[in-house]
Amino acid sequence: QVQLVESGGGLVQPGGSLRLSCAASGNIFSIYTMGWHRQAPGKQRELVATITNTGSMQYAESVKGRFTISKDDVKNMVYLQMNSLTPEDTAVYYCNRVHSGGSEYWGQGTQVTVSS
């Protein structure tokens, strides 16, 4: 089993920045994909960004150029640096980890609210 704990959410003004963190613990596999997803009120959960154990990254079109995903394998952490935030980025952000073999794990989520 793997536990994921997100942190770093909060209230920020439009144009501001936040950095989300996700700590993984438990039965950690070395081959994985970790990602950030978000779910806004009344909308389906959507993929924001992913990063693999080899460092390959992918982003949703809506966040390209504004968000950056990174990882620290020593600390079993993944981060999401979010810049130039807009009200449309308001959502609960979830950390996700998929191991080779298909096991998938989710964190509890952290709220990000972009408002003046």
N, C-alpha and C. Protein backbone atom coordinates (compact mmCIF):
# COMPACT_ATOMS: atom_id res chain seq x y z
N GLN A 1 0.84 -1.20 0.00
CA GLN A 1 0.00 0.00 0.00
C GLN A 1 0.87 1.24 0.00
N VAL A 2 0.36 2.29 -0.62
CA VAL A 2 1.07 3.57 -0.70
C VAL A 2 0.16 4.66 -0.17
N GLN A 3 0.73 5.54 0.63
CA GLN A 3 -0.02 6.70 1.13
C GLN A 3 0.53 7.96 0.46
N LEU A 4 -0.39 8.81 0.05
CA LEU A 4 -0.04 10.09 -0.57
C LEU A 4 -0.68 11.21 0.23
N VAL A 5 0.12 12.20 0.58
CA VAL A 5 -0.38 13.33 1.36
C VAL A 5 -0.01 14.61 0.65
N GLU A 6 -1.04 15.37 0.26
CA GLU A 6 -0.82 16.64 -0.42
C GLU A 6 -0.77 17.78 0.60
N SER A 7 -0.07 18.84 0.23
CA SER A 7 -0.05 20.06 1.03
C SER A 7 0.26 21.23 0.11
N GLY A 8 0.03 22.44 0.64
CA GLY A 8 0.41 23.63 -0.09
C GLY A 8 -0.74 24.39 -0.72
N GLY A 9 -1.95 23.85 -0.63
CA GLY A 9 -3.08 24.58 -1.20
C GLY A 9 -3.43 25.80 -0.36
N GLY A 10 -4.36 26.59 -0.88
CA GLY A 10 -4.78 27.77 -0.15
C GLY A 10 -5.47 28.75 -1.04
N LEU A 11 -5.61 29.96 -0.52
CA LEU A 11 -6.25 31.05 -1.24
C LEU A 11 -5.18 31.98 -1.81
N VAL A 12 -5.29 32.29 -3.08
CA VAL A 12 -4.31 33.15 -3.72
C VAL A 12 -5.05 34.08 -4.69
N GLN A 13 -4.50 35.26 -4.89
CA GLN A 13 -5.11 36.21 -5.81
C GLN A 13 -4.77 35.85 -7.25
N PRO A 14 -5.62 36.26 -8.18
CA PRO A 14 -5.29 36.03 -9.60
C PRO A 14 -3.92 36.59 -9.94
N GLY A 15 -3.16 35.82 -10.70
CA GLY A 15 -1.80 36.20 -11.04
C GLY A 15 -0.76 35.70 -10.05
N GLY A 16 -1.22 35.17 -8.95
CA GLY A 16 -0.31 34.69 -7.93
C GLY A 16 0.21 33.28 -8.19
N SER A 17 0.97 32.80 -7.22
CA SER A 17 1.61 31.49 -7.35
C SER A 17 1.38 30.65 -6.10
N LEU A 18 1.40 29.35 -6.30
CA LEU A 18 1.36 28.39 -5.21
C LEU A 18 2.23 27.21 -5.59
N ARG A 19 2.76 26.54 -4.58
CA ARG A 19 3.51 25.31 -4.80
C ARG A 19 2.87 24.19 -4.00
N LEU A 20 2.38 23.19 -4.71
CA LEU A 20 1.81 22.02 -4.06
C LEU A 20 2.88 20.95 -3.89
N SER A 21 2.76 20.22 -2.80
CA SER A 21 3.67 19.11 -2.52
C SER A 21 2.87 17.84 -2.27
N CYS A 22 3.47 16.72 -2.64
CA CYS A 22 2.85 15.43 -2.39
C CYS A 22 3.93 14.48 -1.86
N ALA A 23 3.69 13.98 -0.67
CA ALA A 23 4.63 13.05 -0.05
C ALA A 23 4.10 11.63 -0.17
N ALA A 24 4.94 10.75 -0.69
CA ALA A 24 4.57 9.35 -0.85
C ALA A 24 5.29 8.51 0.20
N SER A 25 4.59 7.55 0.76
CA SER A 25 5.19 6.65 1.73
C SER A 25 4.54 5.27 1.58
N GLY A 26 5.22 4.29 2.17
CA GLY A 26 4.69 2.94 2.09
C GLY A 26 5.49 2.08 1.13
N ASN A 27 4.81 1.25 0.39
CA ASN A 27 5.43 0.30 -0.52
C ASN A 27 5.75 0.98 -1.86
N ILE A 28 6.85 1.74 -1.85
CA ILE A 28 7.21 2.56 -3.01
C ILE A 28 7.92 1.72 -4.05
N PHE A 29 7.43 1.77 -5.29
CA PHE A 29 8.09 1.13 -6.42
C PHE A 29 8.97 2.15 -7.11
N SER A 30 10.04 1.70 -7.70
CA SER A 30 10.96 2.62 -8.37
C SER A 30 10.51 3.00 -9.77
N ILE A 31 9.61 2.23 -10.36
CA ILE A 31 9.09 2.54 -11.69
C ILE A 31 7.64 3.01 -11.52
N TYR A 32 7.40 4.25 -11.89
CA TYR A 32 6.10 4.84 -11.58
C TYR A 32 5.81 6.03 -12.47
N THR A 33 4.56 6.45 -12.42
CA THR A 33 4.15 7.75 -12.93
C THR A 33 3.41 8.46 -11.80
N MET A 34 3.80 9.67 -11.54
CA MET A 34 3.07 10.48 -10.55
C MET A 34 2.45 11.66 -11.25
N GLY A 35 1.31 12.06 -10.74
CA GLY A 35 0.61 13.14 -11.41
C GLY A 35 -0.21 13.97 -10.47
N TRP A 36 -0.62 15.10 -10.98
CA TRP A 36 -1.57 15.98 -10.32
C TRP A 36 -2.82 16.05 -11.19
N HIS A 37 -3.95 15.91 -10.51
CA HIS A 37 -5.24 16.04 -11.15
C HIS A 37 -6.04 17.07 -10.37
N ARG A 38 -7.07 17.60 -10.96
CA ARG A 38 -7.89 18.56 -10.25
C ARG A 38 -9.36 18.38 -10.59
N GLN A 39 -10.18 18.78 -9.64
CA GLN A 39 -11.62 18.70 -9.84
C GLN A 39 -12.26 19.97 -9.33
N ALA A 40 -12.84 20.71 -10.24
CA ALA A 40 -13.57 21.93 -9.89
C ALA A 40 -15.01 21.57 -9.59
N PRO A 41 -15.71 22.42 -8.84
CA PRO A 41 -17.11 22.15 -8.51
C PRO A 41 -17.96 21.94 -9.76
N GLY A 42 -18.71 20.84 -9.79
CA GLY A 42 -19.58 20.56 -10.91
C GLY A 42 -18.90 20.04 -12.15
N LYS A 43 -17.60 19.78 -12.05
CA LYS A 43 -16.85 19.31 -13.22
C LYS A 43 -16.19 17.98 -12.92
N GLN A 44 -15.81 17.29 -14.00
CA GLN A 44 -15.11 16.03 -13.83
C GLN A 44 -13.65 16.28 -13.46
N ARG A 45 -13.07 15.29 -12.82
CA ARG A 45 -11.65 15.38 -12.50
C ARG A 45 -10.85 15.36 -13.79
N GLU A 46 -9.83 16.21 -13.85
CA GLU A 46 -9.01 16.29 -15.05
C GLU A 46 -7.53 16.21 -14.71
N LEU A 47 -6.79 15.68 -15.66
CA LEU A 47 -5.35 15.58 -15.51
C LEU A 47 -4.72 16.95 -15.67
N VAL A 48 -3.79 17.27 -14.79
CA VAL A 48 -3.07 18.54 -14.87
C VAL A 48 -1.65 18.31 -15.39
N ALA A 49 -0.92 17.39 -14.76
CA ALA A 49 0.46 17.13 -15.16
C ALA A 49 0.89 15.79 -14.62
N THR A 50 1.83 15.15 -15.34
CA THR A 50 2.41 13.89 -14.88
C THR A 50 3.91 13.92 -15.05
N ILE A 51 4.57 13.09 -14.25
CA ILE A 51 6.01 12.91 -14.37
C ILE A 51 6.33 11.46 -14.07
N THR A 52 7.22 10.87 -14.87
CA THR A 52 7.58 9.48 -14.66
C THR A 52 8.88 9.40 -13.86
N ASN A 53 9.23 8.17 -13.49
CA ASN A 53 10.46 7.97 -12.73
C ASN A 53 11.68 8.38 -13.56
N THR A 54 11.54 8.37 -14.89
CA THR A 54 12.65 8.78 -15.76
C THR A 54 12.68 10.29 -15.99
N GLY A 55 11.69 10.99 -15.47
CA GLY A 55 11.66 12.44 -15.60
C GLY A 55 10.86 12.96 -16.78
N SER A 56 10.18 12.09 -17.49
CA SER A 56 9.34 12.51 -18.60
C SER A 56 8.10 13.20 -18.07
N MET A 57 7.79 14.37 -18.62
CA MET A 57 6.69 15.18 -18.11
C MET A 57 5.64 15.43 -19.20
N GLN A 58 4.40 15.55 -18.77
CA GLN A 58 3.32 15.93 -19.66
C GLN A 58 2.41 16.91 -18.92
N TYR A 59 1.81 17.81 -19.70
CA TYR A 59 0.94 18.83 -19.12
C TYR A 59 -0.36 18.95 -19.91
N ALA A 60 -1.41 19.32 -19.19
CA ALA A 60 -2.64 19.70 -19.87
C ALA A 60 -2.39 21.01 -20.61
N GLU A 61 -3.07 21.17 -21.73
CA GLU A 61 -2.87 22.38 -22.53
C GLU A 61 -3.17 23.64 -21.71
N SER A 62 -4.14 23.56 -20.83
CA SER A 62 -4.59 24.73 -20.08
C SER A 62 -3.55 25.23 -19.08
N VAL A 63 -2.56 24.41 -18.76
CA VAL A 63 -1.57 24.83 -17.76
C VAL A 63 -0.16 24.93 -18.33
N LYS A 64 0.03 24.57 -19.58
CA LYS A 64 1.36 24.63 -20.19
C LYS A 64 1.90 26.04 -20.11
N GLY A 65 3.16 26.14 -19.70
CA GLY A 65 3.80 27.45 -19.59
C GLY A 65 3.55 28.14 -18.27
N ARG A 66 2.61 27.62 -17.48
CA ARG A 66 2.31 28.23 -16.19
C ARG A 66 2.64 27.30 -15.01
N PHE A 67 2.43 26.01 -15.20
CA PHE A 67 2.66 25.03 -14.14
C PHE A 67 3.90 24.21 -14.47
N THR A 68 4.61 23.81 -13.42
CA THR A 68 5.77 22.95 -13.58
C THR A 68 5.72 21.82 -12.56
N ILE A 69 5.82 20.60 -13.04
CA ILE A 69 5.86 19.43 -12.15
C ILE A 69 7.30 19.00 -11.98
N SER A 70 7.64 18.59 -10.76
CA SER A 70 9.00 18.13 -10.48
C SER A 70 8.94 17.06 -9.40
N LYS A 71 10.07 16.40 -9.18
CA LYS A 71 10.08 15.30 -8.22
C LYS A 71 11.40 15.24 -7.47
N ASP A 72 11.38 14.61 -6.33
CA ASP A 72 12.58 14.35 -5.55
C ASP A 72 12.47 12.89 -5.10
N ASP A 73 13.17 12.02 -5.79
CA ASP A 73 13.05 10.59 -5.51
C ASP A 73 13.68 10.22 -4.16
N VAL A 74 14.61 10.98 -3.69
CA VAL A 74 15.22 10.70 -2.39
C VAL A 74 14.18 10.90 -1.28
N LYS A 75 13.41 11.95 -1.43
CA LYS A 75 12.39 12.26 -0.44
C LYS A 75 11.02 11.66 -0.78
N ASN A 76 10.91 11.02 -1.94
CA ASN A 76 9.63 10.48 -2.40
C ASN A 76 8.57 11.57 -2.46
N MET A 77 8.95 12.69 -3.08
CA MET A 77 8.07 13.84 -3.18
C MET A 77 7.84 14.19 -4.64
N VAL A 78 6.67 14.76 -4.90
CA VAL A 78 6.40 15.38 -6.19
C VAL A 78 5.80 16.75 -5.92
N TYR A 79 6.12 17.70 -6.77
CA TYR A 79 5.71 19.08 -6.56
C TYR A 79 4.98 19.60 -7.80
N LEU A 80 4.16 20.61 -7.57
CA LEU A 80 3.52 21.30 -8.68
C LEU A 80 3.65 22.80 -8.41
N GLN A 81 4.52 23.45 -9.15
CA GLN A 81 4.66 24.89 -9.07
C GLN A 81 3.64 25.52 -10.01
N MET A 82 2.77 26.33 -9.44
CA MET A 82 1.70 26.95 -10.22
C MET A 82 1.88 28.45 -10.22
N ASN A 83 2.07 29.01 -11.40
CA ASN A 83 2.25 30.45 -11.57
C ASN A 83 1.12 31.03 -12.41
N SER A 84 0.98 32.32 -12.35
CA SER A 84 -0.03 33.03 -13.15
C SER A 84 -1.41 32.39 -12.99
N LEU A 85 -1.76 32.17 -11.76
CA LEU A 85 -3.03 31.49 -11.48
C LEU A 85 -4.22 32.36 -11.85
N THR A 86 -5.26 31.70 -12.32
CA THR A 86 -6.51 32.37 -12.68
C THR A 86 -7.66 31.71 -11.91
N PRO A 87 -8.80 32.38 -11.82
CA PRO A 87 -9.95 31.76 -11.13
C PRO A 87 -10.32 30.39 -11.71
N GLU A 88 -10.02 30.16 -12.98
CA GLU A 88 -10.32 28.87 -13.61
C GLU A 88 -9.46 27.74 -13.06
N ASP A 89 -8.42 28.07 -12.34
CA ASP A 89 -7.57 27.06 -11.72
C ASP A 89 -8.11 26.62 -10.36
N THR A 90 -9.15 27.26 -9.90
CA THR A 90 -9.75 26.89 -8.62
C THR A 90 -10.30 25.47 -8.67
N ALA A 91 -9.85 24.65 -7.75
CA ALA A 91 -10.24 23.23 -7.75
C ALA A 91 -9.61 22.55 -6.54
N VAL A 92 -10.04 21.33 -6.30
CA VAL A 92 -9.31 20.46 -5.38
C VAL A 92 -8.27 19.72 -6.22
N TYR A 93 -7.04 19.79 -5.77
CA TYR A 93 -5.93 19.17 -6.50
C TYR A 93 -5.55 17.87 -5.80
N TYR A 94 -5.46 16.82 -6.60
CA TYR A 94 -5.16 15.49 -6.09
C TYR A 94 -3.84 14.97 -6.64
N CYS A 95 -3.09 14.35 -5.78
CA CYS A 95 -1.87 13.67 -6.16
C CYS A 95 -2.20 12.21 -6.47
N ASN A 96 -1.53 11.67 -7.45
CA ASN A 96 -1.81 10.32 -7.93
C ASN A 96 -0.49 9.62 -8.23
N ARG A 97 -0.44 8.35 -7.93
CA ARG A 97 0.77 7.57 -8.24
C ARG A 97 0.33 6.24 -8.84
N VAL A 98 0.94 5.89 -9.96
CA VAL A 98 0.67 4.63 -10.63
C VAL A 98 1.97 3.85 -10.73
N HIS A 99 1.95 2.64 -10.18
CA HIS A 99 3.14 1.80 -10.25
C HIS A 99 3.11 0.92 -11.48
N SER A 100 4.27 0.47 -11.88
CA SER A 100 4.35 -0.54 -12.93
C SER A 100 3.55 -1.75 -12.44
N GLY A 101 2.71 -2.29 -13.28
CA GLY A 101 1.81 -3.36 -12.86
C GLY A 101 0.39 -2.84 -12.68
N GLY A 102 0.25 -1.50 -12.61
CA GLY A 102 -1.08 -0.91 -12.63
C GLY A 102 -1.66 -0.46 -11.32
N SER A 103 -1.00 -0.73 -10.20
CA SER A 103 -1.55 -0.27 -8.92
C SER A 103 -1.60 1.25 -8.91
N GLU A 104 -2.71 1.78 -8.47
CA GLU A 104 -2.92 3.23 -8.51
C GLU A 104 -3.36 3.72 -7.14
N TYR A 105 -2.82 4.88 -6.76
CA TYR A 105 -3.08 5.43 -5.44
C TYR A 105 -3.41 6.91 -5.57
N TRP A 106 -4.25 7.40 -4.66
CA TRP A 106 -4.67 8.79 -4.65
C TRP A 106 -4.52 9.40 -3.27
N GLY A 107 -4.19 10.67 -3.26
CA GLY A 107 -4.22 11.42 -2.02
C GLY A 107 -5.61 11.94 -1.74
N GLN A 108 -5.74 12.63 -0.61
CA GLN A 108 -7.04 13.15 -0.18
C GLN A 108 -7.40 14.47 -0.85
N GLY A 109 -6.42 15.13 -1.42
CA GLY A 109 -6.68 16.39 -2.12
C GLY A 109 -6.37 17.61 -1.27
N THR A 110 -6.06 18.70 -1.96
CA THR A 110 -5.83 19.97 -1.31
C THR A 110 -6.54 21.06 -2.12
N GLN A 111 -7.22 21.95 -1.42
CA GLN A 111 -8.02 22.97 -2.08
C GLN A 111 -7.16 24.14 -2.54
N VAL A 112 -7.33 24.52 -3.78
CA VAL A 112 -6.71 25.73 -4.32
C VAL A 112 -7.83 26.66 -4.76
N THR A 113 -7.83 27.86 -4.21
CA THR A 113 -8.84 28.85 -4.55
C THR A 113 -8.15 30.11 -5.05
N VAL A 114 -8.50 30.51 -6.25
CA VAL A 114 -7.92 31.72 -6.85
C VAL A 114 -9.03 32.76 -6.93
N SER A 115 -8.88 33.79 -6.12
CA SER A 115 -9.92 34.80 -6.02
C SER A 115 -9.35 36.09 -5.48
N SER A 116 -9.94 37.20 -5.92
CA SER A 116 -9.53 38.49 -5.39
C SER A 116 -10.43 38.88 -4.23
